[in-house]
Every structure is written in structure tokens, then in C-alpha cells.
Amino acid sequence: NKMCLVLGSVFGFLIPITNGLTTGNWIWKSFLNQETQLF
């Protein structure tokens, strides 16, 4: 139970970071550009 929650949380935090590194669409950029689905 504990490891599934911790691993899922760590991977979850890495998702927007990975998106920013691979595409350049960081979360603040997609918000300012009104790119709804990406944000």
C-alpha cells in the first residue's frame, strides 16, 4: 500500500517535468497560452 502510493506520487510529480523537458511546454507556459488540455 505504502510503496504504491509513494511510487505513484513520485512518478506523478515527474510527469509535468518530463513534459516540459521533452516538449518545452512547461505548465506555466501552457497556462499562459491557454492550452487547456496540456495544462
PDB file of all heavy atoms in Angstrom:
ATOM      1  N   ASN A   1       0.829  -1.202   0.000  1.00  0.00           N
ATOM      2  CA  ASN A   1       0.000   0.000   0.000  1.00  0.00           C
ATOM      3  C   ASN A   1       0.867   1.256   0.000  1.00  0.00           C
ATOM      4  O   ASN A   1       0.690   2.169  -0.812  1.00  0.00           O
ATOM      5  CB  ASN A   1      -0.918  -0.018   1.220  1.00  0.00           C
ATOM      6  CG  ASN A   1      -2.065   0.981   1.101  1.00  0.00           C
ATOM      7  OD1 ASN A   1      -2.241   1.618   0.080  1.00  0.00           O
ATOM      8  ND2 ASN A   1      -2.812   1.121   2.170  1.00  0.00           N
ATOM      9  N   LYS A   2       1.847   1.297   0.924  1.00  0.00           N
ATOM     10  CA  LYS A   2       2.690   2.480   1.076  1.00  0.00           C
ATOM     11  C   LYS A   2       3.536   2.727  -0.172  1.00  0.00           C
ATOM     12  O   LYS A   2       3.604   3.858  -0.678  1.00  0.00           O
ATOM     13  CB  LYS A   2       3.605   2.298   2.282  1.00  0.00           C
ATOM     14  CG  LYS A   2       4.517   3.485   2.555  1.00  0.00           C
ATOM     15  CD  LYS A   2       4.177   4.125   3.865  1.00  0.00           C
ATOM     16  CE  LYS A   2       5.062   5.311   4.163  1.00  0.00           C
ATOM     17  NZ  LYS A   2       4.604   6.056   5.344  1.00  0.00           N
ATOM     18  N   MET A   3       4.171   1.696  -0.679  1.00  0.00           N
ATOM     19  CA  MET A   3       5.061   1.862  -1.818  1.00  0.00           C
ATOM     20  C   MET A   3       4.297   2.234  -3.093  1.00  0.00           C
ATOM     21  O   MET A   3       4.791   3.003  -3.915  1.00  0.00           O
ATOM     22  CB  MET A   3       5.875   0.593  -2.054  1.00  0.00           C
ATOM     23  CG  MET A   3       6.982   0.373  -1.043  1.00  0.00           C
ATOM     24  SD  MET A   3       8.093   1.807  -0.880  1.00  0.00           S
ATOM     25  CE  MET A   3       8.760   1.934  -2.538  1.00  0.00           C
ATOM     26  N   CYS A   4       3.103   1.689  -3.264  1.00  0.00           N
ATOM     27  CA  CYS A   4       2.303   2.049  -4.442  1.00  0.00           C
ATOM     28  C   CYS A   4       1.934   3.526  -4.410  1.00  0.00           C
ATOM     29  O   CYS A   4       1.989   4.219  -5.435  1.00  0.00           O
ATOM     30  CB  CYS A   4       1.051   1.185  -4.518  1.00  0.00           C
ATOM     31  SG  CYS A   4       1.357  -0.501  -5.070  1.00  0.00           S
ATOM     32  N   LEU A   5       1.568   4.026  -3.225  1.00  0.00           N
ATOM     33  CA  LEU A   5       1.231   5.441  -3.095  1.00  0.00           C
ATOM     34  C   LEU A   5       2.459   6.328  -3.304  1.00  0.00           C
ATOM     35  O   LEU A   5       2.400   7.346  -3.997  1.00  0.00           O
ATOM     36  CB  LEU A   5       0.618   5.706  -1.721  1.00  0.00           C
ATOM     37  CG  LEU A   5      -0.786   5.141  -1.485  1.00  0.00           C
ATOM     38  CD1 LEU A   5      -1.194   5.311  -0.029  1.00  0.00           C
ATOM     39  CD2 LEU A   5      -1.808   5.824  -2.394  1.00  0.00           C
ATOM     40  N   VAL A   6       3.597   5.926  -2.702  1.00  0.00           N
ATOM     41  CA  VAL A   6       4.821   6.732  -2.816  1.00  0.00           C
ATOM     42  C   VAL A   6       5.339   6.731  -4.261  1.00  0.00           C
ATOM     43  O   VAL A   6       5.658   7.789  -4.825  1.00  0.00           O
ATOM     44  CB  VAL A   6       5.904   6.214  -1.855  1.00  0.00           C
ATOM     45  CG1 VAL A   6       7.237   6.896  -2.122  1.00  0.00           C
ATOM     46  CG2 VAL A   6       5.486   6.446  -0.409  1.00  0.00           C
ATOM     47  N   LEU A   7       5.437   5.543  -4.859  1.00  0.00           N
ATOM     48  CA  LEU A   7       5.921   5.455  -6.236  1.00  0.00           C
ATOM     49  C   LEU A   7       5.009   6.213  -7.199  1.00  0.00           C
ATOM     50  O   LEU A   7       5.478   6.952  -8.073  1.00  0.00           O
ATOM     51  CB  LEU A   7       6.015   3.990  -6.671  1.00  0.00           C
ATOM     52  CG  LEU A   7       7.190   3.179  -6.133  1.00  0.00           C
ATOM     53  CD1 LEU A   7       7.055   1.723  -6.551  1.00  0.00           C
ATOM     54  CD2 LEU A   7       8.516   3.754  -6.622  1.00  0.00           C
ATOM     55  N   GLY A   8       3.688   6.020  -7.036  1.00  0.00           N
ATOM     56  CA  GLY A   8       2.737   6.729  -7.891  1.00  0.00           C
ATOM     57  C   GLY A   8       2.865   8.235  -7.735  1.00  0.00           C
ATOM     58  O   GLY A   8       2.782   8.983  -8.719  1.00  0.00           O
ATOM     59  N   SER A   9       3.091   8.702  -6.504  1.00  0.00           N
ATOM     60  CA  SER A   9       3.234  10.139  -6.244  1.00  0.00           C
ATOM     61  C   SER A   9       4.507  10.688  -6.874  1.00  0.00           C
ATOM     62  O   SER A   9       4.505  11.752  -7.502  1.00  0.00           O
ATOM     63  CB  SER A   9       3.242  10.398  -4.735  1.00  0.00           C
ATOM     64  OG  SER A   9       2.050   9.941  -4.130  1.00  0.00           O
ATOM     65  N   VAL A  10       5.628   9.971  -6.704  1.00  0.00           N
ATOM     66  CA  VAL A  10       6.904  10.417  -7.279  1.00  0.00           C
ATOM     67  C   VAL A  10       6.799  10.483  -8.799  1.00  0.00           C
ATOM     68  O   VAL A  10       7.190  11.482  -9.422  1.00  0.00           O
ATOM     69  CB  VAL A  10       8.048   9.472  -6.860  1.00  0.00           C
ATOM     70  CG1 VAL A  10       9.327   9.802  -7.623  1.00  0.00           C
ATOM     71  CG2 VAL A  10       8.289   9.585  -5.355  1.00  0.00           C
ATOM     72  N   PHE A  11       6.285   9.429  -9.403  1.00  0.00           N
ATOM     73  CA  PHE A  11       6.107   9.434 -10.856  1.00  0.00           C
ATOM     74  C   PHE A  11       5.150  10.549 -11.289  1.00  0.00           C
ATOM     75  O   PHE A  11       5.340  11.187 -12.326  1.00  0.00           O
ATOM     76  CB  PHE A  11       5.574   8.081 -11.339  1.00  0.00           C
ATOM     77  CG  PHE A  11       6.564   6.960 -11.222  1.00  0.00           C
ATOM     78  CD1 PHE A  11       6.142   5.677 -10.898  1.00  0.00           C
ATOM     79  CD2 PHE A  11       7.908   7.174 -11.439  1.00  0.00           C
ATOM     80  CE1 PHE A  11       7.046   4.632 -10.790  1.00  0.00           C
ATOM     81  CE2 PHE A  11       8.832   6.139 -11.332  1.00  0.00           C
ATOM     82  CZ  PHE A  11       8.395   4.870 -11.010  1.00  0.00           C
ATOM     83  N   GLY A  12       4.112  10.764 -10.471  1.00  0.00           N
ATOM     84  CA  GLY A  12       3.136  11.809 -10.788  1.00  0.00           C
ATOM     85  C   GLY A  12       3.767  13.187 -10.823  1.00  0.00           C
ATOM     86  O   GLY A  12       3.461  14.003 -11.711  1.00  0.00           O
ATOM     87  N   PHE A  13       4.663  13.490  -9.854  1.00  0.00           N
ATOM     88  CA  PHE A  13       5.350  14.777  -9.854  1.00  0.00           C
ATOM     89  C   PHE A  13       6.305  14.913 -11.044  1.00  0.00           C
ATOM     90  O   PHE A  13       6.557  16.022 -11.529  1.00  0.00           O
ATOM     91  CB  PHE A  13       6.134  14.954  -8.546  1.00  0.00           C
ATOM     92  CG  PHE A  13       5.266  15.281  -7.368  1.00  0.00           C
ATOM     93  CD1 PHE A  13       5.290  14.500  -6.218  1.00  0.00           C
ATOM     94  CD2 PHE A  13       4.410  16.385  -7.392  1.00  0.00           C
ATOM     95  CE1 PHE A  13       4.493  14.802  -5.125  1.00  0.00           C
ATOM     96  CE2 PHE A  13       3.602  16.698  -6.301  1.00  0.00           C
ATOM     97  CZ  PHE A  13       3.646  15.903  -5.168  1.00  0.00           C
ATOM     98  N   LEU A  14       6.840  13.783 -11.497  1.00  0.00           N
ATOM     99  CA  LEU A  14       7.792  13.814 -12.608  1.00  0.00           C
ATOM    100  C   LEU A  14       7.108  14.003 -13.969  1.00  0.00           C
ATOM    101  O   LEU A  14       7.770  14.364 -14.948  1.00  0.00           O
ATOM    102  CB  LEU A  14       8.607  12.516 -12.632  1.00  0.00           C
ATOM    103  CG  LEU A  14       9.630  12.335 -11.498  1.00  0.00           C
ATOM    104  CD1 LEU A  14      10.268  10.954 -11.580  1.00  0.00           C
ATOM    105  CD2 LEU A  14      10.697  13.419 -11.549  1.00  0.00           C
ATOM    106  N   ILE A  15       5.795  13.752 -14.029  1.00  0.00           N
ATOM    107  CA  ILE A  15       5.083  13.833 -15.312  1.00  0.00           C
ATOM    108  C   ILE A  15       5.139  15.235 -15.915  1.00  0.00           C
ATOM    109  O   ILE A  15       5.549  15.396 -17.074  1.00  0.00           O
ATOM    110  CB  ILE A  15       3.628  13.337 -15.153  1.00  0.00           C
ATOM    111  CG1 ILE A  15       3.622  11.811 -14.968  1.00  0.00           C
ATOM    112  CG2 ILE A  15       2.778  13.714 -16.372  1.00  0.00           C
ATOM    113  CD1 ILE A  15       2.284  11.241 -14.565  1.00  0.00           C
ATOM    114  N   PRO A  16       4.742  16.306 -15.196  1.00  0.00           N
ATOM    115  CA  PRO A  16       4.845  17.647 -15.803  1.00  0.00           C
ATOM    116  C   PRO A  16       6.285  18.065 -16.084  1.00  0.00           C
ATOM    117  O   PRO A  16       6.543  18.824 -17.026  1.00  0.00           O
ATOM    118  CB  PRO A  16       4.186  18.563 -14.766  1.00  0.00           C
ATOM    119  CG  PRO A  16       4.166  17.790 -13.496  1.00  0.00           C
ATOM    120  CD  PRO A  16       4.090  16.352 -13.877  1.00  0.00           C
ATOM    121  N   ILE A  17       7.233  17.563 -15.269  1.00  0.00           N
ATOM    122  CA  ILE A  17       8.651  17.879 -15.513  1.00  0.00           C
ATOM    123  C   ILE A  17       9.107  17.224 -16.807  1.00  0.00           C
ATOM    124  O   ILE A  17       9.789  17.851 -17.639  1.00  0.00           O
ATOM    125  CB  ILE A  17       9.514  17.401 -14.326  1.00  0.00           C
ATOM    126  CG1 ILE A  17       9.126  18.162 -13.056  1.00  0.00           C
ATOM    127  CG2 ILE A  17      10.994  17.576 -14.632  1.00  0.00           C
ATOM    128  CD1 ILE A  17       9.819  17.668 -11.802  1.00  0.00           C
ATOM    129  N   THR A  18       8.740  15.961 -16.989  1.00  0.00           N
ATOM    130  CA  THR A  18       9.090  15.249 -18.223  1.00  0.00           C
ATOM    131  C   THR A  18       8.473  15.922 -19.439  1.00  0.00           C
ATOM    132  O   THR A  18       9.121  16.066 -20.491  1.00  0.00           O
ATOM    133  CB  THR A  18       8.611  13.786 -18.147  1.00  0.00           C
ATOM    134  OG1 THR A  18       9.145  13.166 -16.971  1.00  0.00           O
ATOM    135  CG2 THR A  18       9.051  13.007 -19.374  1.00  0.00           C
ATOM    136  N   ASN A  19       7.223  16.346 -19.308  1.00  0.00           N
ATOM    137  CA  ASN A  19       6.550  17.026 -20.418  1.00  0.00           C
ATOM    138  C   ASN A  19       7.280  18.313 -20.784  1.00  0.00           C
ATOM    139  O   ASN A  19       7.487  18.619 -21.967  1.00  0.00           O
ATOM    140  CB  ASN A  19       5.093  17.322 -20.037  1.00  0.00           C
ATOM    141  CG  ASN A  19       4.303  17.926 -21.183  1.00  0.00           C
ATOM    142  OD1 ASN A  19       4.495  17.583 -22.336  1.00  0.00           O
ATOM    143  ND2 ASN A  19       3.416  18.851 -20.856  1.00  0.00           N
ATOM    144  N   GLY A  20       7.703  19.065 -19.769  1.00  0.00           N
ATOM    145  CA  GLY A  20       8.420  20.312 -20.020  1.00  0.00           C
ATOM    146  C   GLY A  20       9.762  20.083 -20.689  1.00  0.00           C
ATOM    147  O   GLY A  20      10.149  20.808 -21.614  1.00  0.00           O
ATOM    148  N   LEU A  21      10.488  19.046 -20.237  1.00  0.00           N
ATOM    149  CA  LEU A  21      11.811  18.761 -20.789  1.00  0.00           C
ATOM    150  C   LEU A  21      11.739  18.250 -22.223  1.00  0.00           C
ATOM    151  O   LEU A  21      12.602  18.571 -23.046  1.00  0.00           O
ATOM    152  CB  LEU A  21      12.529  17.730 -19.912  1.00  0.00           C
ATOM    153  CG  LEU A  21      12.969  18.197 -18.518  1.00  0.00           C
ATOM    154  CD1 LEU A  21      13.508  17.023 -17.703  1.00  0.00           C
ATOM    155  CD2 LEU A  21      14.034  19.294 -18.623  1.00  0.00           C
ATOM    156  N   THR A  22      10.725  17.447 -22.530  1.00  0.00           N
ATOM    157  CA  THR A  22      10.643  16.821 -23.864  1.00  0.00           C
ATOM    158  C   THR A  22       9.977  17.707 -24.905  1.00  0.00           C
ATOM    159  O   THR A  22      10.259  17.588 -26.098  1.00  0.00           O
ATOM    160  CB  THR A  22       9.892  15.483 -23.787  1.00  0.00           C
ATOM    161  OG1 THR A  22       8.594  15.704 -23.181  1.00  0.00           O
ATOM    162  CG2 THR A  22      10.667  14.464 -22.963  1.00  0.00           C
ATOM    163  N   THR A  23       9.074  18.580 -24.485  1.00  0.00           N
ATOM    164  CA  THR A  23       8.320  19.393 -25.452  1.00  0.00           C
ATOM    165  C   THR A  23       8.532  20.897 -25.296  1.00  0.00           C
ATOM    166  O   THR A  23       8.213  21.653 -26.211  1.00  0.00           O
ATOM    167  CB  THR A  23       6.807  19.110 -25.335  1.00  0.00           C
ATOM    168  OG1 THR A  23       6.332  19.584 -24.058  1.00  0.00           O
ATOM    169  CG2 THR A  23       6.520  17.626 -25.464  1.00  0.00           C
ATOM    170  N   GLY A  24       9.029  21.309 -24.130  1.00  0.00           N
ATOM    171  CA  GLY A  24       9.153  22.743 -23.870  1.00  0.00           C
ATOM    172  C   GLY A  24       7.869  23.370 -23.381  1.00  0.00           C
ATOM    173  O   GLY A  24       7.828  24.560 -23.055  1.00  0.00           O
ATOM    174  N   ASN A  25       6.810  22.577 -23.300  1.00  0.00           N
ATOM    175  CA  ASN A  25       5.515  23.077 -22.812  1.00  0.00           C
ATOM    176  C   ASN A  25       5.436  22.916 -21.294  1.00  0.00           C
ATOM    177  O   ASN A  25       4.763  22.023 -20.787  1.00  0.00           O
ATOM    178  CB  ASN A  25       4.363  22.330 -23.484  1.00  0.00           C
ATOM    179  CG  ASN A  25       4.058  22.862 -24.859  1.00  0.00           C
ATOM    180  OD1 ASN A  25       4.123  24.067 -25.083  1.00  0.00           O
ATOM    181  ND2 ASN A  25       3.741  21.985 -25.778  1.00  0.00           N
ATOM    182  N   TRP A  26       6.136  23.769 -20.588  1.00  0.00           N
ATOM    183  CA  TRP A  26       6.056  23.749 -19.131  1.00  0.00           C
ATOM    184  C   TRP A  26       4.676  24.198 -18.694  1.00  0.00           C
ATOM    185  O   TRP A  26       3.974  24.902 -19.429  1.00  0.00           O
ATOM    186  CB  TRP A  26       7.123  24.653 -18.534  1.00  0.00           C
ATOM    187  CG  TRP A  26       8.513  24.178 -18.830  1.00  0.00           C
ATOM    188  CD1 TRP A  26       9.323  24.577 -19.853  1.00  0.00           C
ATOM    189  CD2 TRP A  26       9.243  23.177 -18.110  1.00  0.00           C
ATOM    190  NE1 TRP A  26      10.512  23.900 -19.824  1.00  0.00           N
ATOM    191  CE2 TRP A  26      10.502  23.028 -18.760  1.00  0.00           C
ATOM    192  CE3 TRP A  26       8.977  22.393 -16.989  1.00  0.00           C
ATOM    193  CZ2 TRP A  26      11.474  22.143 -18.318  1.00  0.00           C
ATOM    194  CZ3 TRP A  26       9.947  21.508 -16.536  1.00  0.00           C
ATOM    195  CH2 TRP A  26      11.170  21.386 -17.197  1.00  0.00           C
ATOM    196  N   ILE A  27       4.293  23.787 -17.514  1.00  0.00           N
ATOM    197  CA  ILE A  27       2.913  24.004 -17.063  1.00  0.00           C
ATOM    198  C   ILE A  27       2.535  25.478 -17.051  1.00  0.00           C
ATOM    199  O   ILE A  27       1.410  25.845 -17.402  1.00  0.00           O
ATOM    200  CB  ILE A  27       2.680  23.359 -15.672  1.00  0.00           C
ATOM    201  CG1 ILE A  27       1.200  23.446 -15.293  1.00  0.00           C
ATOM    202  CG2 ILE A  27       3.581  23.957 -14.613  1.00  0.00           C
ATOM    203  CD1 ILE A  27       0.842  22.627 -14.070  1.00  0.00           C
ATOM    204  N   TRP A  28       3.468  26.364 -16.703  1.00  0.00           N
ATOM    205  CA  TRP A  28       3.144  27.791 -16.687  1.00  0.00           C
ATOM    206  C   TRP A  28       2.983  28.351 -18.100  1.00  0.00           C
ATOM    207  O   TRP A  28       2.183  29.249 -18.325  1.00  0.00           O
ATOM    208  CB  TRP A  28       4.205  28.562 -15.911  1.00  0.00           C
ATOM    209  CG  TRP A  28       5.612  28.403 -16.396  1.00  0.00           C
ATOM    210  CD1 TRP A  28       6.235  29.101 -17.391  1.00  0.00           C
ATOM    211  CD2 TRP A  28       6.565  27.448 -15.920  1.00  0.00           C
ATOM    212  NE1 TRP A  28       7.513  28.663 -17.569  1.00  0.00           N
ATOM    213  CE2 TRP A  28       7.753  27.651 -16.660  1.00  0.00           C
ATOM    214  CE3 TRP A  28       6.546  26.456 -14.940  1.00  0.00           C
ATOM    215  CZ2 TRP A  28       8.897  26.883 -16.465  1.00  0.00           C
ATOM    216  CZ3 TRP A  28       7.682  25.707 -14.732  1.00  0.00           C
ATOM    217  CH2 TRP A  28       8.848  25.907 -15.482  1.00  0.00           C
ATOM    218  N   LYS A  29       3.722  27.775 -19.055  1.00  0.00           N
ATOM    219  CA  LYS A  29       3.586  28.213 -20.442  1.00  0.00           C
ATOM    220  C   LYS A  29       2.237  27.800 -21.028  1.00  0.00           C
ATOM    221  O   LYS A  29       1.563  28.588 -21.706  1.00  0.00           O
ATOM    222  CB  LYS A  29       4.717  27.630 -21.294  1.00  0.00           C
ATOM    223  CG  LYS A  29       6.065  28.285 -21.072  1.00  0.00           C
ATOM    224  CD  LYS A  29       7.085  27.757 -22.069  1.00  0.00           C
ATOM    225  CE  LYS A  29       8.430  28.453 -21.909  1.00  0.00           C
ATOM    226  NZ  LYS A  29       9.426  27.948 -22.888  1.00  0.00           N
ATOM    227  N   SER A  30       1.851  26.547 -20.770  1.00  0.00           N
ATOM    228  CA  SER A  30       0.560  26.078 -21.290  1.00  0.00           C
ATOM    229  C   SER A  30      -0.589  26.848 -20.650  1.00  0.00           C
ATOM    230  O   SER A  30      -1.620  27.090 -21.281  1.00  0.00           O
ATOM    231  CB  SER A  30       0.398  24.575 -21.053  1.00  0.00           C
ATOM    232  OG  SER A  30       0.508  24.254 -19.680  1.00  0.00           O
ATOM    233  N   PHE A  31      -0.430  27.262 -19.394  1.00  0.00           N
ATOM    234  CA  PHE A  31      -1.458  28.063 -18.725  1.00  0.00           C
ATOM    235  C   PHE A  31      -1.569  29.436 -19.373  1.00  0.00           C
ATOM    236  O   PHE A  31      -2.678  29.905 -19.679  1.00  0.00           O
ATOM    237  CB  PHE A  31      -1.136  28.199 -17.238  1.00  0.00           C
ATOM    238  CG  PHE A  31      -2.085  29.093 -16.486  1.00  0.00           C
ATOM    239  CD1 PHE A  31      -3.366  28.657 -16.172  1.00  0.00           C
ATOM    240  CD2 PHE A  31      -1.718  30.377 -16.125  1.00  0.00           C
ATOM    241  CE1 PHE A  31      -4.254  29.473 -15.488  1.00  0.00           C
ATOM    242  CE2 PHE A  31      -2.593  31.217 -15.447  1.00  0.00           C
ATOM    243  CZ  PHE A  31      -3.868  30.757 -15.128  1.00  0.00           C
ATOM    244  N   LEU A  32      -0.423  30.094 -19.595  1.00  0.00           N
ATOM    245  CA  LEU A  32      -0.427  31.434 -20.197  1.00  0.00           C
ATOM    246  C   LEU A  32      -0.910  31.406 -21.645  1.00  0.00           C
ATOM    247  O   LEU A  32      -1.556  32.346 -22.112  1.00  0.00           O
ATOM    248  CB  LEU A  32       0.980  32.039 -20.121  1.00  0.00           C
ATOM    249  CG  LEU A  32       1.496  32.365 -18.711  1.00  0.00           C
ATOM    250  CD1 LEU A  32       2.949  32.816 -18.764  1.00  0.00           C
ATOM    251  CD2 LEU A  32       0.632  33.443 -18.056  1.00  0.00           C
ATOM    252  N   ASN A  33      -0.608  30.296 -22.355  1.00  0.00           N
ATOM    253  CA  ASN A  33      -1.016  30.171 -23.767  1.00  0.00           C
ATOM    254  C   ASN A  33      -2.423  29.606 -23.919  1.00  0.00           C
ATOM    255  O   ASN A  33      -2.883  29.395 -25.048  1.00  0.00           O
ATOM    256  CB  ASN A  33      -0.029  29.269 -24.523  1.00  0.00           C
ATOM    257  CG  ASN A  33       1.356  29.881 -24.623  1.00  0.00           C
ATOM    258  OD1 ASN A  33       1.501  31.097 -24.601  1.00  0.00           O
ATOM    259  ND2 ASN A  33       2.375  29.041 -24.722  1.00  0.00           N
ATOM    260  N   GLN A  34      -3.096  29.369 -22.784  1.00  0.00           N
ATOM    261  CA  GLN A  34      -4.460  28.825 -22.769  1.00  0.00           C
ATOM    262  C   GLN A  34      -4.548  27.491 -23.524  1.00  0.00           C
ATOM    263  O   GLN A  34      -5.526  27.224 -24.218  1.00  0.00           O
ATOM    264  CB  GLN A  34      -5.449  29.837 -23.358  1.00  0.00           C
ATOM    265  CG  GLN A  34      -5.555  31.112 -22.545  1.00  0.00           C
ATOM    266  CD  GLN A  34      -6.595  32.070 -23.074  1.00  0.00           C
ATOM    267  OE1 GLN A  34      -7.011  31.990 -24.229  1.00  0.00           O
ATOM    268  NE2 GLN A  34      -7.046  32.989 -22.231  1.00  0.00           N
ATOM    269  N   GLU A  35      -3.519  26.675 -23.372  1.00  0.00           N
ATOM    270  CA  GLU A  35      -3.518  25.329 -23.950  1.00  0.00           C
ATOM    271  C   GLU A  35      -4.142  24.381 -22.921  1.00  0.00           C
ATOM    272  O   GLU A  35      -3.448  23.738 -22.136  1.00  0.00           O
ATOM    273  CB  GLU A  35      -2.088  24.926 -24.323  1.00  0.00           C
ATOM    274  CG  GLU A  35      -1.508  25.809 -25.408  1.00  0.00           C
ATOM    275  CD  GLU A  35      -0.021  25.597 -25.628  1.00  0.00           C
ATOM    276  OE1 GLU A  35       0.688  25.258 -24.661  1.00  0.00           O
ATOM    277  OE2 GLU A  35       0.436  25.774 -26.776  1.00  0.00           O
ATOM    278  N   THR A  36      -5.446  24.329 -22.950  1.00  0.00           N
ATOM    279  CA  THR A  36      -6.235  23.721 -21.874  1.00  0.00           C
ATOM    280  C   THR A  36      -5.859  22.276 -21.591  1.00  0.00           C
ATOM    281  O   THR A  36      -5.615  21.905 -20.435  1.00  0.00           O
ATOM    282  CB  THR A  36      -7.741  23.799 -22.220  1.00  0.00           C
ATOM    283  OG1 THR A  36      -8.077  25.130 -22.567  1.00  0.00           O
ATOM    284  CG2 THR A  36      -8.583  23.345 -21.038  1.00  0.00           C
ATOM    285  N   GLN A  37      -5.824  21.441 -22.642  1.00  0.00           N
ATOM    286  CA  GLN A  37      -5.572  20.016 -22.427  1.00  0.00           C
ATOM    287  C   GLN A  37      -4.179  19.774 -21.851  1.00  0.00           C
ATOM    288  O   GLN A  37      -4.008  18.936 -20.960  1.00  0.00           O
ATOM    289  CB  GLN A  37      -5.742  19.236 -23.735  1.00  0.00           C
ATOM    290  CG  GLN A  37      -7.169  19.163 -24.229  1.00  0.00           C
ATOM    291  CD  GLN A  37      -7.506  20.257 -25.223  1.00  0.00           C
ATOM    292  OE1 GLN A  37      -6.728  21.201 -25.400  1.00  0.00           O
ATOM    293  NE2 GLN A  37      -8.658  20.161 -25.869  1.00  0.00           N
ATOM    294  N   LEU A  38      -3.183  20.515 -22.355  1.00  0.00           N
ATOM    295  CA  LEU A  38      -1.804  20.335 -21.878  1.00  0.00           C
ATOM    296  C   LEU A  38      -1.684  20.758 -20.419  1.00  0.00           C
ATOM    297  O   LEU A  38      -1.068  20.055 -19.599  1.00  0.00           O
ATOM    298  CB  LEU A  38      -0.833  21.148 -22.736  1.00  0.00           C
ATOM    299  CG  LEU A  38      -0.889  20.919 -24.251  1.00  0.00           C
ATOM    300  CD1 LEU A  38       0.194  21.725 -24.943  1.00  0.00           C
ATOM    301  CD2 LEU A  38      -0.740  19.438 -24.578  1.00  0.00           C
ATOM    302  N   PHE A  39      -2.277  21.889 -20.091  1.00  0.00           N
ATOM    303  CA  PHE A  39      -2.219  22.376 -18.708  1.00  0.00           C
ATOM    304  C   PHE A  39      -2.970  21.449 -17.768  1.00  0.00           C
ATOM    305  O   PHE A  39      -2.496  21.157 -16.663  1.00  0.00           O
ATOM    306  CB  PHE A  39      -2.807  23.786 -18.626  1.00  0.00           C
ATOM    307  CG  PHE A  39      -2.998  24.273 -17.215  1.00  0.00           C
ATOM    308  CD1 PHE A  39      -1.920  24.722 -16.467  1.00  0.00           C
ATOM    309  CD2 PHE A  39      -4.262  24.260 -16.627  1.00  0.00           C
ATOM    310  CE1 PHE A  39      -2.101  25.149 -15.151  1.00  0.00           C
ATOM    311  CE2 PHE A  39      -4.449  24.688 -15.326  1.00  0.00           C
ATOM    312  CZ  PHE A  39      -3.365  25.143 -14.585  1.00  0.00           C
TER     313      PHE A  39
END
